[in-house]
Amino acid sequence: MIRFEHGRARGRADACLAHRPASCQTEHTGNTIRRAGMSITGQCHCGAIRYTAEGADEHHALCHCADCRRWSGAPMVGWIAFREEQVTITGTATVYSSSEHGRRAFCRDCGTGLFYRNAVVLPGIVDIQSGTLDSPQDRAPAAQIMCREKLPWLAEVETLPAFDTYPGVD
C-alpha cells in the first residue's frame, strides 16, 4: 500500500516497479488510484501496435528507477497497469527480457516501448507506458515511485526556460 503524507509517498518500493499490485491505493484524498468505468486506447509511434484496456486501472504512477530510465531514454516513465484480461493488443510486439522475471515489449518497427510484465512480482498485470495513450492528458498519474533513484535535477525542472515550440520554430 502507498500512503501519502504531505504530498510524499510512503510505502514499499521493491525494485523498479511502477508496478503495484491491485491492493495499491492512495489515502491522501481517500480515493483509490483505480478509476472505474473507463477505457483507454493507445499505440506505438508508427501505429503497427495498438491496444485497448477496458475498466478500472490498477494504478498509474511515474517511475524514476534507473532501469525504466535506461529502457525509455527518458528521466522517468509513466506506467498505467491493468489486469491482463482487460487488455487487447493488435500487432506483434517484440519482447525483451530486462531482468530475471521482467519482460518489456516494444514495437520492432519504430522502437516504441509499450508494455511491462513480471509474472513473479506482478502476476496477471500488464503495465502500459502511459505516454503511448491516445489521450494521455485525460489520465494523470496518481503517484511517483522509486523516488530514491529520481534524478536530482528534476526538482529544478520548473525553473528552466519554457518554450511553446522548439526555440526559433513557429
Protein backbone atom coordinates (compact mmCIF):
# COMPACT_ATOMS: atom_id res chain seq x y z
CA MET A 1 0.00 0.00 0.00
CA ILE A 2 1.20 3.50 -0.75
CA ARG A 3 0.23 6.23 1.68
CA PHE A 4 0.62 9.94 1.01
CA GLU A 5 1.80 12.26 3.76
CA HIS A 6 2.20 15.94 2.98
CA GLY A 7 2.47 15.19 -0.73
CA ARG A 8 5.14 12.50 -0.40
CA ALA A 9 4.51 8.82 -0.97
CA ARG A 10 5.41 6.42 1.80
CA GLY A 11 5.44 2.67 1.26
CA ARG A 12 7.16 -0.32 -0.27
CA ALA A 13 9.32 0.29 -3.30
CA ASP A 14 10.56 -3.20 -4.11
CA ALA A 15 12.55 -2.93 -7.36
CA CYS A 16 11.86 -0.97 -10.48
CA LEU A 17 8.17 -1.25 -10.05
CA ALA A 18 5.95 1.49 -11.29
CA HIS A 19 4.02 -1.63 -11.00
CA ARG A 20 1.88 -2.04 -7.92
CA PRO A 21 -0.49 -4.88 -7.14
CA ALA A 22 -4.24 -4.39 -7.03
CA SER A 23 -4.07 -3.51 -3.32
CA CYS A 24 -2.24 -0.26 -4.12
CA GLN A 25 -4.27 2.79 -3.16
CA THR A 26 -3.72 6.35 -2.10
CA GLU A 27 -5.12 7.64 1.15
CA HIS A 28 -4.22 11.29 0.50
CA THR A 29 -7.73 12.16 -0.59
CA GLY A 30 -9.42 8.94 0.37
CA ASN A 31 -9.75 7.98 -3.31
CA THR A 32 -8.28 4.85 -4.75
CA ILE A 33 -5.79 5.12 -7.58
CA ARG A 34 -8.05 2.93 -9.68
CA ARG A 35 -10.53 4.63 -11.97
CA ALA A 36 -13.74 2.72 -12.61
CA GLY A 37 -15.70 2.55 -15.83
CA MET A 38 -13.12 4.00 -18.19
CA SER A 39 -11.40 2.51 -21.18
CA ILE A 40 -8.18 3.62 -22.80
CA THR A 41 -6.64 3.20 -26.21
CA GLY A 42 -3.12 3.77 -27.44
CA GLN A 43 -0.45 2.80 -29.91
CA CYS A 44 3.19 2.81 -30.77
CA HIS A 45 4.65 5.71 -32.76
CA CYS A 46 4.14 4.08 -36.18
CA GLY A 47 0.74 2.56 -35.38
CA ALA A 48 1.76 -1.06 -36.03
CA ILE A 49 0.75 -2.00 -32.47
CA ARG A 50 -2.49 -0.76 -30.91
CA TYR A 51 -4.10 -1.59 -27.60
CA THR A 52 -7.32 -1.12 -25.67
CA ALA A 53 -7.79 -1.57 -21.94
CA GLU A 54 -11.30 -1.78 -20.50
CA GLY A 55 -12.42 -0.96 -16.98
CA ALA A 56 -10.60 0.23 -13.90
CA ASP A 57 -6.82 0.51 -13.89
CA GLU A 58 -4.80 -0.90 -11.02
CA HIS A 59 -2.68 2.26 -10.74
CA HIS A 60 -0.99 4.98 -12.75
CA ALA A 61 2.43 6.07 -11.50
CA LEU A 62 5.60 7.79 -12.65
CA CYS A 63 8.63 5.57 -12.12
CA HIS A 64 12.04 7.14 -11.50
CA CYS A 65 14.11 3.94 -11.36
CA ALA A 66 17.31 3.66 -13.36
CA ASP A 67 16.03 0.56 -15.18
CA CYS A 68 12.97 2.38 -16.57
CA ARG A 69 15.07 5.45 -17.41
CA ARG A 70 17.58 3.36 -19.35
CA TRP A 71 14.79 1.43 -21.12
CA SER A 72 12.93 4.56 -22.21
CA GLY A 73 15.73 7.07 -22.64
CA ALA A 74 13.68 9.48 -20.52
CA PRO A 75 14.14 10.89 -16.99
CA MET A 76 11.02 9.00 -15.78
CA VAL A 77 8.35 6.71 -17.21
CA GLY A 78 4.60 6.74 -16.69
CA TRP A 79 3.03 3.30 -16.21
CA ILE A 80 -0.68 2.55 -16.10
CA ALA A 81 -1.47 -1.02 -15.04
CA PHE A 82 -4.36 -3.28 -15.91
CA ARG A 83 -5.23 -6.92 -15.34
CA GLU A 84 -4.09 -8.97 -18.33
CA GLU A 85 -7.67 -9.93 -19.23
CA GLN A 86 -8.63 -6.23 -19.55
CA VAL A 87 -6.09 -5.54 -22.31
CA THR A 88 -6.46 -6.29 -26.03
CA ILE A 89 -3.40 -5.84 -28.25
CA THR A 90 -3.32 -5.83 -32.04
CA GLY A 91 0.02 -6.22 -33.79
CA THR A 92 3.03 -8.17 -32.60
CA ALA A 93 5.41 -6.64 -30.08
CA THR A 94 8.99 -7.79 -29.63
CA VAL A 95 9.72 -8.93 -26.07
CA TYR A 96 12.98 -8.21 -24.28
CA SER A 97 13.97 -9.92 -21.01
CA SER A 98 15.14 -6.93 -18.98
CA SER A 99 15.68 -8.89 -15.76
CA GLU A 100 15.23 -12.42 -14.44
CA HIS A 101 11.43 -12.10 -14.47
CA GLY A 102 10.80 -8.72 -16.14
CA ARG A 103 9.66 -8.63 -19.75
CA ARG A 104 9.46 -5.39 -21.72
CA ALA A 105 7.65 -5.28 -25.05
CA PHE A 106 8.25 -2.78 -27.82
CA CYS A 107 7.45 -2.20 -31.48
CA ARG A 108 10.15 -3.73 -33.67
CA ASP A 109 9.35 -1.25 -36.46
CA CYS A 110 9.56 2.11 -34.63
CA GLY A 111 11.14 1.11 -31.29
CA THR A 112 8.37 2.48 -29.04
CA GLY A 113 8.39 0.88 -25.59
CA LEU A 114 4.86 -0.26 -24.74
CA PHE A 115 4.40 -2.94 -22.07
CA TYR A 116 6.00 -4.41 -18.95
CA ARG A 117 5.13 -7.76 -17.39
CA ASN A 118 6.60 -9.65 -14.44
CA ALA A 119 4.83 -12.96 -13.79
CA VAL A 120 6.55 -13.40 -10.41
CA VAL A 121 6.17 -9.95 -8.84
CA LEU A 122 3.04 -8.83 -10.73
CA PRO A 123 1.16 -11.94 -11.80
CA GLY A 124 -1.66 -11.15 -14.20
CA ILE A 125 -0.70 -7.46 -14.61
CA VAL A 126 0.35 -5.65 -17.77
CA ASP A 127 1.85 -2.20 -17.33
CA ILE A 128 1.38 0.12 -20.28
CA GLN A 129 3.65 3.11 -20.87
CA SER A 130 1.15 5.92 -20.37
CA GLY A 131 2.95 8.22 -22.80
CA THR A 132 1.61 5.95 -25.56
CA LEU A 133 -2.05 6.59 -24.68
CA ASP A 134 -4.13 8.22 -27.41
CA SER A 135 -5.30 10.79 -24.82
CA PRO A 136 -2.60 10.93 -22.12
CA GLN A 137 -3.87 14.31 -20.92
CA ASP A 138 -7.03 12.55 -19.67
CA ARG A 139 -5.22 10.21 -17.27
CA ALA A 140 -2.99 11.99 -14.76
CA PRO A 141 -0.68 9.80 -12.65
CA ALA A 142 -1.63 9.35 -9.01
CA ALA A 143 1.86 8.72 -7.59
CA GLN A 144 5.61 8.84 -8.15
CA ILE A 145 7.59 5.77 -7.22
CA MET A 146 11.24 4.78 -6.90
CA CYS A 147 11.99 8.38 -5.89
CA ARG A 148 15.19 7.27 -4.18
CA GLU A 149 16.55 6.93 -7.75
CA LYS A 150 14.98 10.16 -9.03
CA LEU A 151 17.40 12.38 -10.93
CA PRO A 152 18.23 15.28 -8.61
CA TRP A 153 17.87 17.92 -11.32
CA LEU A 154 14.17 17.10 -11.78
CA ALA A 155 13.49 19.17 -8.66
CA GLU A 156 14.51 22.25 -10.65
CA VAL A 157 12.83 21.48 -13.97
CA GLU A 158 10.02 24.02 -13.43
CA THR A 159 12.64 26.79 -13.17
CA LEU A 160 14.01 26.15 -16.67
CA PRO A 161 13.04 28.46 -19.55
CA ALA A 162 9.91 27.12 -21.29
CA PHE A 163 9.05 27.45 -24.98
CA ASP A 164 5.72 26.66 -26.68
CA THR A 165 7.61 25.13 -29.62
CA TYR A 166 11.20 24.32 -30.43
CA PRO A 167 13.10 27.64 -29.99
CA GLY A 168 13.14 29.51 -33.28
CA VAL A 169 10.40 27.38 -34.85
CA ASP A 170 6.89 28.80 -35.22
